[in-house]
Amino acid sequence: METAHFDHHSPIPGTTLFDGRQAMKGYALNKMCYSFNAKAARDEYLADPEAYFDKFKLNETQKQACRNKNVLEMIAAGGNIYYLAKFAGIYKLGVQDVGAQQTGVTTEEFKQKLLRAGD
């Protein structure tokens, strides 16, 4: 297969490319999510999310995405899915919850879609 002319950076509709620009954009958000490795940090966050956002200097877009518990908004705000998984875990959001957000359906609809795909 000829790959010399293949553009490995072709945009995929609806996909946010996590590159250096996104990494810099999301540094504060990802740093906050990384902190959730420690139980004490998770407890501190749950006690006062707004103060925790300020502690890590999140911008308003990142704060609102976190308030909404919307992983797609967090990705658009520079979040890396590996760090965001730590955030999702605080709220007991599983892979199916995130998949539902990505496809624009409820979690139950997404589960049913997966079951139908397995038939």
N, C-alpha and C. Protein backbone atom coordinates (compact mmCIF):
# COMPACT_ATOMS: atom_id res chain seq x y z
N MET A 1 0.85 -1.18 0.00
CA MET A 1 0.00 0.00 0.00
C MET A 1 0.89 1.24 0.00
N GLU A 2 0.62 2.15 -0.87
CA GLU A 2 1.36 3.41 -0.98
C GLU A 2 0.91 4.35 0.13
N THR A 3 1.82 4.76 1.01
CA THR A 3 1.47 5.66 2.10
C THR A 3 2.22 6.98 2.04
N ALA A 4 3.04 7.17 1.03
CA ALA A 4 3.85 8.39 0.94
C ALA A 4 2.99 9.65 0.89
N HIS A 5 1.81 9.57 0.28
CA HIS A 5 0.97 10.75 0.14
C HIS A 5 -0.20 10.76 1.12
N PHE A 6 -0.20 9.84 2.05
CA PHE A 6 -1.28 9.75 3.02
C PHE A 6 -1.08 10.81 4.09
N ASP A 7 -2.11 11.61 4.35
CA ASP A 7 -2.04 12.64 5.38
C ASP A 7 -2.49 12.03 6.70
N HIS A 8 -1.55 11.78 7.58
CA HIS A 8 -1.86 11.16 8.88
C HIS A 8 -2.57 12.12 9.82
N HIS A 9 -2.69 13.37 9.43
CA HIS A 9 -3.36 14.36 10.26
C HIS A 9 -4.68 14.82 9.65
N SER A 10 -5.26 14.00 8.78
CA SER A 10 -6.56 14.35 8.20
C SER A 10 -7.59 14.42 9.31
N PRO A 11 -8.38 15.48 9.33
CA PRO A 11 -9.39 15.59 10.38
C PRO A 11 -10.49 14.54 10.23
N ILE A 12 -10.93 14.03 11.33
CA ILE A 12 -12.06 13.10 11.38
C ILE A 12 -13.20 13.90 11.99
N PRO A 13 -14.30 14.08 11.28
CA PRO A 13 -15.40 14.89 11.80
C PRO A 13 -15.82 14.47 13.21
N GLY A 14 -15.93 15.45 14.09
CA GLY A 14 -16.35 15.19 15.46
C GLY A 14 -15.24 14.73 16.38
N THR A 15 -14.02 14.66 15.87
CA THR A 15 -12.89 14.19 16.66
C THR A 15 -11.95 15.35 16.97
N THR A 16 -11.58 15.47 18.24
CA THR A 16 -10.60 16.47 18.64
C THR A 16 -9.24 15.80 18.67
N LEU A 17 -8.32 16.30 17.88
CA LEU A 17 -6.96 15.77 17.85
C LEU A 17 -6.21 16.28 19.07
N PHE A 18 -5.72 15.35 19.89
CA PHE A 18 -4.95 15.76 21.07
C PHE A 18 -3.49 15.89 20.66
N ASP A 19 -3.12 17.12 20.38
CA ASP A 19 -1.76 17.42 19.96
C ASP A 19 -1.12 18.38 20.97
N GLY A 20 0.02 18.92 20.63
CA GLY A 20 0.71 19.82 21.54
C GLY A 20 -0.12 21.03 21.92
N ARG A 21 -0.85 21.56 20.95
CA ARG A 21 -1.71 22.73 21.22
C ARG A 21 -2.79 22.38 22.24
N GLN A 22 -3.44 21.23 22.05
CA GLN A 22 -4.47 20.80 22.99
C GLN A 22 -3.87 20.50 24.36
N ALA A 23 -2.69 19.93 24.37
CA ALA A 23 -2.03 19.61 25.65
C ALA A 23 -1.78 20.88 26.45
N MET A 24 -1.32 21.91 25.79
CA MET A 24 -1.09 23.18 26.48
C MET A 24 -2.42 23.80 26.93
N LYS A 25 -3.40 23.74 26.07
CA LYS A 25 -4.72 24.28 26.38
C LYS A 25 -5.32 23.61 27.61
N GLY A 26 -5.12 22.30 27.73
CA GLY A 26 -5.75 21.54 28.80
C GLY A 26 -4.85 21.25 29.99
N TYR A 27 -3.69 21.88 30.05
CA TYR A 27 -2.73 21.54 31.10
C TYR A 27 -3.35 21.60 32.50
N ALA A 28 -4.03 22.69 32.82
CA ALA A 28 -4.61 22.83 34.17
C ALA A 28 -5.66 21.75 34.44
N LEU A 29 -6.51 21.50 33.46
CA LEU A 29 -7.56 20.48 33.60
C LEU A 29 -6.94 19.10 33.79
N ASN A 30 -5.96 18.77 32.99
CA ASN A 30 -5.32 17.46 33.09
C ASN A 30 -4.54 17.31 34.39
N LYS A 31 -3.91 18.40 34.83
CA LYS A 31 -3.19 18.37 36.11
C LYS A 31 -4.17 18.12 37.25
N MET A 32 -5.33 18.78 37.20
CA MET A 32 -6.34 18.56 38.23
C MET A 32 -6.80 17.10 38.22
N CYS A 33 -7.10 16.58 37.03
CA CYS A 33 -7.57 15.20 36.94
C CYS A 33 -6.51 14.21 37.40
N TYR A 34 -5.25 14.48 37.10
CA TYR A 34 -4.16 13.62 37.56
C TYR A 34 -4.12 13.57 39.08
N SER A 35 -4.45 14.69 39.71
CA SER A 35 -4.41 14.73 41.18
C SER A 35 -5.38 13.73 41.80
N PHE A 36 -6.39 13.32 41.04
CA PHE A 36 -7.39 12.40 41.57
C PHE A 36 -6.86 10.99 41.79
N ASN A 37 -5.60 10.76 41.48
CA ASN A 37 -4.98 9.49 41.85
C ASN A 37 -4.97 9.32 43.37
N ALA A 38 -4.95 10.44 44.08
CA ALA A 38 -4.92 10.40 45.55
C ALA A 38 -6.33 10.56 46.11
N LYS A 39 -6.69 9.68 47.03
CA LYS A 39 -8.02 9.74 47.64
C LYS A 39 -8.25 11.08 48.32
N ALA A 40 -7.23 11.61 48.97
CA ALA A 40 -7.37 12.90 49.65
C ALA A 40 -7.77 13.99 48.65
N ALA A 41 -7.22 13.94 47.46
CA ALA A 41 -7.56 14.92 46.43
C ALA A 41 -9.01 14.75 45.98
N ARG A 42 -9.44 13.51 45.81
CA ARG A 42 -10.84 13.27 45.41
C ARG A 42 -11.79 13.80 46.48
N ASP A 43 -11.45 13.55 47.74
CA ASP A 43 -12.28 14.02 48.85
C ASP A 43 -12.32 15.55 48.89
N GLU A 44 -11.16 16.18 48.69
CA GLU A 44 -11.10 17.64 48.68
C GLU A 44 -11.96 18.21 47.55
N TYR A 45 -11.87 17.60 46.39
CA TYR A 45 -12.67 18.04 45.24
C TYR A 45 -14.16 17.92 45.56
N LEU A 46 -14.58 16.77 46.05
CA LEU A 46 -16.00 16.56 46.32
C LEU A 46 -16.54 17.50 47.38
N ALA A 47 -15.69 17.90 48.32
CA ALA A 47 -16.11 18.82 49.38
C ALA A 47 -16.39 20.22 48.83
N ASP A 48 -15.64 20.64 47.81
CA ASP A 48 -15.82 21.97 47.24
C ASP A 48 -15.24 22.03 45.83
N PRO A 49 -15.99 21.54 44.84
CA PRO A 49 -15.47 21.52 43.47
C PRO A 49 -15.01 22.89 42.96
N GLU A 50 -15.74 23.94 43.27
CA GLU A 50 -15.38 25.27 42.76
C GLU A 50 -14.02 25.71 43.30
N ALA A 51 -13.78 25.48 44.57
CA ALA A 51 -12.47 25.83 45.14
C ALA A 51 -11.37 24.99 44.50
N TYR A 52 -11.69 23.74 44.20
CA TYR A 52 -10.69 22.86 43.57
C TYR A 52 -10.39 23.33 42.15
N PHE A 53 -11.40 23.78 41.43
CA PHE A 53 -11.17 24.34 40.09
C PHE A 53 -10.21 25.52 40.18
N ASP A 54 -10.46 26.38 41.16
CA ASP A 54 -9.62 27.57 41.33
C ASP A 54 -8.20 27.20 41.76
N LYS A 55 -8.09 26.18 42.59
CA LYS A 55 -6.76 25.73 43.04
C LYS A 55 -5.89 25.37 41.84
N PHE A 56 -6.50 24.78 40.81
CA PHE A 56 -5.75 24.35 39.63
C PHE A 56 -5.84 25.35 38.47
N LYS A 57 -6.49 26.50 38.74
CA LYS A 57 -6.55 27.59 37.76
C LYS A 57 -7.24 27.19 36.44
N LEU A 58 -8.34 26.45 36.57
CA LEU A 58 -9.12 26.11 35.39
C LEU A 58 -9.76 27.37 34.83
N ASN A 59 -9.88 27.44 33.51
CA ASN A 59 -10.59 28.57 32.91
C ASN A 59 -12.09 28.28 32.97
N GLU A 60 -12.90 29.26 32.63
CA GLU A 60 -14.35 29.12 32.77
C GLU A 60 -14.90 28.00 31.89
N THR A 61 -14.36 27.82 30.70
CA THR A 61 -14.82 26.75 29.81
C THR A 61 -14.56 25.39 30.45
N GLN A 62 -13.39 25.21 31.03
CA GLN A 62 -13.05 23.95 31.69
C GLN A 62 -13.93 23.73 32.92
N LYS A 63 -14.14 24.78 33.69
CA LYS A 63 -15.00 24.66 34.87
C LYS A 63 -16.41 24.22 34.47
N GLN A 64 -16.96 24.87 33.44
CA GLN A 64 -18.32 24.54 33.02
C GLN A 64 -18.41 23.11 32.49
N ALA A 65 -17.42 22.67 31.76
CA ALA A 65 -17.40 21.29 31.27
C ALA A 65 -17.40 20.31 32.44
N CYS A 66 -16.64 20.64 33.49
CA CYS A 66 -16.61 19.78 34.68
C CYS A 66 -17.95 19.82 35.41
N ARG A 67 -18.52 21.00 35.54
CA ARG A 67 -19.83 21.11 36.19
C ARG A 67 -20.86 20.26 35.44
N ASN A 68 -20.76 20.28 34.11
CA ASN A 68 -21.70 19.51 33.28
C ASN A 68 -21.40 18.02 33.28
N LYS A 69 -20.22 17.65 33.80
CA LYS A 69 -19.76 16.25 33.78
C LYS A 69 -19.80 15.71 32.35
N ASN A 70 -19.41 16.57 31.40
CA ASN A 70 -19.47 16.23 29.99
C ASN A 70 -18.06 16.01 29.46
N VAL A 71 -17.72 14.77 29.23
CA VAL A 71 -16.37 14.40 28.80
C VAL A 71 -16.03 15.02 27.45
N LEU A 72 -16.99 15.10 26.53
CA LEU A 72 -16.71 15.70 25.22
C LEU A 72 -16.35 17.18 25.36
N GLU A 73 -17.05 17.89 26.23
CA GLU A 73 -16.72 19.29 26.47
C GLU A 73 -15.33 19.41 27.10
N MET A 74 -15.00 18.48 27.97
CA MET A 74 -13.68 18.50 28.61
C MET A 74 -12.58 18.22 27.58
N ILE A 75 -12.84 17.31 26.66
CA ILE A 75 -11.86 17.03 25.59
C ILE A 75 -11.67 18.28 24.73
N ALA A 76 -12.77 18.93 24.37
CA ALA A 76 -12.68 20.16 23.57
C ALA A 76 -11.93 21.25 24.32
N ALA A 77 -11.98 21.21 25.66
CA ALA A 77 -11.29 22.20 26.48
C ALA A 77 -9.83 21.81 26.76
N GLY A 78 -9.36 20.76 26.08
CA GLY A 78 -7.96 20.35 26.22
C GLY A 78 -7.74 19.12 27.07
N GLY A 79 -8.81 18.50 27.53
CA GLY A 79 -8.66 17.32 28.37
C GLY A 79 -8.18 16.10 27.61
N ASN A 80 -7.36 15.32 28.26
CA ASN A 80 -6.86 14.06 27.71
C ASN A 80 -7.70 12.95 28.31
N ILE A 81 -8.22 12.07 27.48
CA ILE A 81 -9.16 11.05 27.94
C ILE A 81 -8.59 10.19 29.07
N TYR A 82 -7.30 9.96 29.09
CA TYR A 82 -6.71 9.14 30.15
C TYR A 82 -6.80 9.83 31.50
N TYR A 83 -6.62 11.14 31.53
CA TYR A 83 -6.77 11.88 32.78
C TYR A 83 -8.24 12.09 33.11
N LEU A 84 -9.05 12.31 32.08
CA LEU A 84 -10.47 12.52 32.30
C LEU A 84 -11.15 11.29 32.87
N ALA A 85 -10.61 10.12 32.61
CA ALA A 85 -11.17 8.89 33.19
C ALA A 85 -11.13 8.95 34.71
N LYS A 86 -10.13 9.60 35.26
CA LYS A 86 -10.04 9.75 36.71
C LYS A 86 -11.17 10.65 37.22
N PHE A 87 -11.47 11.71 36.47
CA PHE A 87 -12.59 12.58 36.81
C PHE A 87 -13.90 11.79 36.72
N ALA A 88 -14.09 11.07 35.63
CA ALA A 88 -15.32 10.31 35.43
C ALA A 88 -15.54 9.31 36.56
N GLY A 89 -14.46 8.72 37.04
CA GLY A 89 -14.57 7.74 38.12
C GLY A 89 -15.14 8.32 39.41
N ILE A 90 -14.87 9.58 39.67
CA ILE A 90 -15.40 10.23 40.87
C ILE A 90 -16.92 10.19 40.86
N TYR A 91 -17.50 10.35 39.68
CA TYR A 91 -18.95 10.38 39.53
C TYR A 91 -19.51 9.04 39.09
N LYS A 92 -18.69 8.02 39.15
CA LYS A 92 -19.11 6.66 38.78
C LYS A 92 -19.59 6.59 37.33
N LEU A 93 -18.97 7.42 36.46
CA LEU A 93 -19.28 7.36 35.03
C LEU A 93 -18.40 6.29 34.41
N GLY A 94 -19.02 5.32 33.78
CA GLY A 94 -18.28 4.25 33.14
C GLY A 94 -18.06 4.51 31.66
N VAL A 95 -17.43 3.56 31.01
CA VAL A 95 -17.15 3.67 29.58
C VAL A 95 -18.46 3.81 28.79
N GLN A 96 -19.51 3.14 29.22
CA GLN A 96 -20.78 3.23 28.50
C GLN A 96 -21.41 4.62 28.65
N ASP A 97 -21.22 5.25 29.81
CA ASP A 97 -21.71 6.62 29.99
C ASP A 97 -21.00 7.57 29.04
N VAL A 98 -19.69 7.41 28.94
CA VAL A 98 -18.90 8.26 28.04
C VAL A 98 -19.27 7.97 26.58
N GLY A 99 -19.44 6.70 26.24
CA GLY A 99 -19.86 6.33 24.89
C GLY A 99 -21.20 6.95 24.53
N ALA A 100 -22.11 6.98 25.49
CA ALA A 100 -23.41 7.61 25.26
C ALA A 100 -23.25 9.10 24.98
N GLN A 101 -22.38 9.76 25.75
CA GLN A 101 -22.13 11.19 25.49
C GLN A 101 -21.58 11.38 24.08
N GLN A 102 -20.67 10.50 23.68
CA GLN A 102 -20.03 10.63 22.37
C GLN A 102 -21.01 10.42 21.22
N THR A 103 -22.03 9.62 21.44
CA THR A 103 -22.97 9.32 20.36
C THR A 103 -24.28 10.09 20.49
N GLY A 104 -24.42 10.89 21.55
CA GLY A 104 -25.59 11.74 21.70
C GLY A 104 -26.86 11.02 22.10
N VAL A 105 -26.71 9.92 22.82
CA VAL A 105 -27.88 9.17 23.30
C VAL A 105 -27.76 8.99 24.81
N THR A 106 -28.82 8.48 25.44
CA THR A 106 -28.75 8.19 26.86
C THR A 106 -27.88 6.94 27.08
N THR A 107 -27.45 6.76 28.30
CA THR A 107 -26.64 5.57 28.61
C THR A 107 -27.43 4.30 28.32
N GLU A 108 -28.71 4.29 28.67
CA GLU A 108 -29.53 3.10 28.42
C GLU A 108 -29.66 2.83 26.93
N GLU A 109 -29.85 3.88 26.14
CA GLU A 109 -29.93 3.71 24.68
C GLU A 109 -28.61 3.19 24.13
N PHE A 110 -27.52 3.68 24.67
CA PHE A 110 -26.21 3.22 24.22
C PHE A 110 -26.01 1.75 24.56
N LYS A 111 -26.41 1.33 25.75
CA LYS A 111 -26.30 -0.08 26.14
C LYS A 111 -27.12 -0.96 25.19
N GLN A 112 -28.33 -0.52 24.87
CA GLN A 112 -29.18 -1.28 23.95
C GLN A 112 -28.55 -1.36 22.56
N LYS A 113 -27.93 -0.27 22.13
CA LYS A 113 -27.25 -0.25 20.83
C LYS A 113 -26.12 -1.28 20.82
N LEU A 114 -25.38 -1.36 21.91
CA LEU A 114 -24.29 -2.34 22.01
C LEU A 114 -24.83 -3.76 21.96
N LEU A 115 -25.94 -3.99 22.66
CA LEU A 115 -26.54 -5.33 22.67
C LEU A 115 -27.02 -5.71 21.27
N ARG A 116 -27.64 -4.77 20.57
CA ARG A 116 -28.12 -5.05 19.20
C ARG A 116 -26.94 -5.33 18.26
N ALA A 117 -25.85 -4.62 18.46
CA ALA A 117 -24.67 -4.81 17.60
C ALA A 117 -24.07 -6.19 17.81
N GLY A 118 -24.30 -6.77 18.98
CA GLY A 118 -23.76 -8.09 19.27
C GLY A 118 -24.58 -9.23 18.72
N ASP A 119 -25.77 -8.92 18.22
CA ASP A 119 -26.65 -9.98 17.67
C ASP A 119 -26.17 -10.45 16.32
